[in-house]
Amino acid sequence: MTVSEGVKLRKRSVRIAGHLTSVSIEEIFWLALRNIADKRGMSMNALVTEIDIARSGNLSSALRVFAFENTRKI
């Protein structure tokens, strides 16, 4: 992946607590979230739901911060 590909916004549909919603974040964050979900043995929807429950701001920002914080620990 090139730098320009990683910073492009990508919109994806996710299911949170049974409700379908779409979220736009950069591709590099989607990849980080996928890696975190895989390491935890959970689906992307389950991970996003976990992040959604704990967030205080908007979902896109919460996903970015979560991905950053968990990637930084590696």
Protein backbone atom coordinates (compact mmCIF):
# COMPACT_ATOMS: atom_id res chain seq x y z
CA MET A 1 0.00 0.00 0.00
CA THR A 2 1.32 3.41 -0.88
CA VAL A 3 1.03 6.41 1.43
CA SER A 4 -1.58 8.00 -0.83
CA GLU A 5 -3.67 4.81 -0.77
CA GLY A 6 -3.51 4.59 3.02
CA VAL A 7 -4.80 8.11 3.59
CA LYS A 8 -7.80 7.87 1.26
CA LEU A 9 -11.12 7.81 3.06
CA ARG A 10 -12.98 4.55 2.69
CA LYS A 11 -16.64 4.21 3.56
CA ARG A 12 -17.75 0.84 4.94
CA SER A 13 -20.99 -0.49 6.26
CA VAL A 14 -20.87 -2.01 9.73
CA ARG A 15 -23.52 -3.53 11.94
CA ILE A 16 -23.62 -2.14 15.47
CA ALA A 17 -26.02 -3.80 17.90
CA GLY A 18 -28.09 -5.06 14.99
CA HIS A 19 -28.23 -1.72 13.16
CA LEU A 20 -26.47 -1.11 9.86
CA THR A 21 -24.52 2.13 9.61
CA SER A 22 -21.72 3.45 7.43
CA VAL A 23 -18.44 4.88 8.65
CA SER A 24 -15.76 6.74 6.70
CA ILE A 25 -12.16 6.52 7.90
CA GLU A 26 -8.83 6.20 6.16
CA GLU A 27 -7.90 2.80 4.70
CA ILE A 28 -4.86 2.49 7.00
CA PHE A 29 -7.18 2.58 10.03
CA TRP A 30 -9.49 -0.07 8.53
CA LEU A 31 -6.45 -2.31 8.06
CA ALA A 32 -5.33 -1.74 11.64
CA LEU A 33 -8.82 -2.51 12.96
CA ARG A 34 -8.97 -5.70 10.85
CA ASN A 35 -5.63 -6.82 12.31
CA ILE A 36 -6.82 -6.10 15.86
CA ALA A 37 -10.08 -7.99 15.28
CA ASP A 38 -8.20 -10.95 13.80
CA LYS A 39 -5.77 -11.07 16.73
CA ARG A 40 -8.71 -11.06 19.15
CA GLY A 41 -10.56 -13.72 17.16
CA MET A 42 -13.58 -11.52 16.59
CA SER A 43 -15.45 -10.04 13.66
CA MET A 44 -14.99 -6.45 12.57
CA ASN A 45 -18.63 -5.78 13.53
CA ALA A 46 -18.01 -7.10 17.04
CA LEU A 47 -14.91 -4.93 17.43
CA VAL A 48 -16.70 -1.81 16.15
CA THR A 49 -19.60 -2.52 18.53
CA GLU A 50 -17.15 -2.77 21.45
CA ILE A 51 -15.58 0.56 20.46
CA ASP A 52 -19.01 2.14 19.96
CA ILE A 53 -20.15 1.19 23.48
CA ALA A 54 -17.07 2.76 25.08
CA ARG A 55 -16.88 5.95 23.01
CA SER A 56 -17.70 9.47 24.07
CA GLY A 57 -17.16 11.31 20.74
CA ASN A 58 -18.12 10.43 17.20
CA LEU A 59 -17.61 6.90 15.93
CA SER A 60 -15.07 7.72 13.21
CA SER A 61 -12.80 9.46 15.70
CA ALA A 62 -13.24 6.67 18.25
CA LEU A 63 -12.20 4.07 15.65
CA ARG A 64 -9.10 6.05 14.69
CA VAL A 65 -8.03 6.56 18.31
CA PHE A 66 -8.66 2.91 19.17
CA ALA A 67 -6.63 1.72 16.17
CA PHE A 68 -3.80 4.12 16.99
CA GLU A 69 -3.67 3.20 20.68
CA ASN A 70 -3.74 -0.54 19.99
CA THR A 71 -1.23 -0.41 17.16
CA ARG A 72 1.12 1.67 19.29
CA LYS A 73 1.23 -1.15 21.88
CA ILE A 74 2.69 -3.63 19.39
